[in-house]
Amino acid sequence: LVERGAFRYFLEPLAPPITVVVCGGGHIAVHLVPLCHLLGFRTVVVDDRADFASRERFPLATDLIVVPSLEHGLEGLPIGDSSYVVIVTRGHGRDQAILRQSLQCRPGYIGMIGSRRKRALVFEQLASEGFTSDDLARVICPVGLPIGAETPEEIAVSIAAELVATRAARSGRS
């Protein structure tokens, strides 16, 4: 509420919604995308399997992108500071490929599913390719708030909660 003389104005800043790019259309993504939609995020699902990046699996996704290979899965996507990338593909190699691309296009948030061992292996390989410790420090791995999540549904909730917390912190609400 802003007052100017005898007038009062209610101002509500409008910003484009944050886009969550979910890389991988598997068992976690199936639960994460509807949560992201419910929470006001735009959602894009990227997978190299047409049957996994389908409208039947993701009726609430904003966009579905099937790529020939995840090696170039983010090419052509308008990823920037108002984009969040969540990496939940099927395997270290695919996760590493998406992470490499994510670090190059610098989204506002990068989260990757994985154990400490997987994180160490992927980070070691990317460091050998020239990525710095500052680059790698931008990656949240394992993705999601530490709530003891075990099932795909619980992991999706922990990831969605972390996305909300990140959005709130970036907007000064936390």
Foldseek 3Di string as FASTA:
>chain_A
DDDDVPDDDDDDDDDDAFEEEEEAQDDLVLQQLVLCVVVGHAYEYEYQDDVSQDCVSPVSHNYGYHDVALLCRCPPPPAAASYEYEYDHDDLVSSLSNLLVCLVRPYNAAAYEDDPVSLVVSVVVVVVVPDDPVSSVRYHPNAFDPPVDDGSNSRSVRNSVVVVVSVCVVVVND
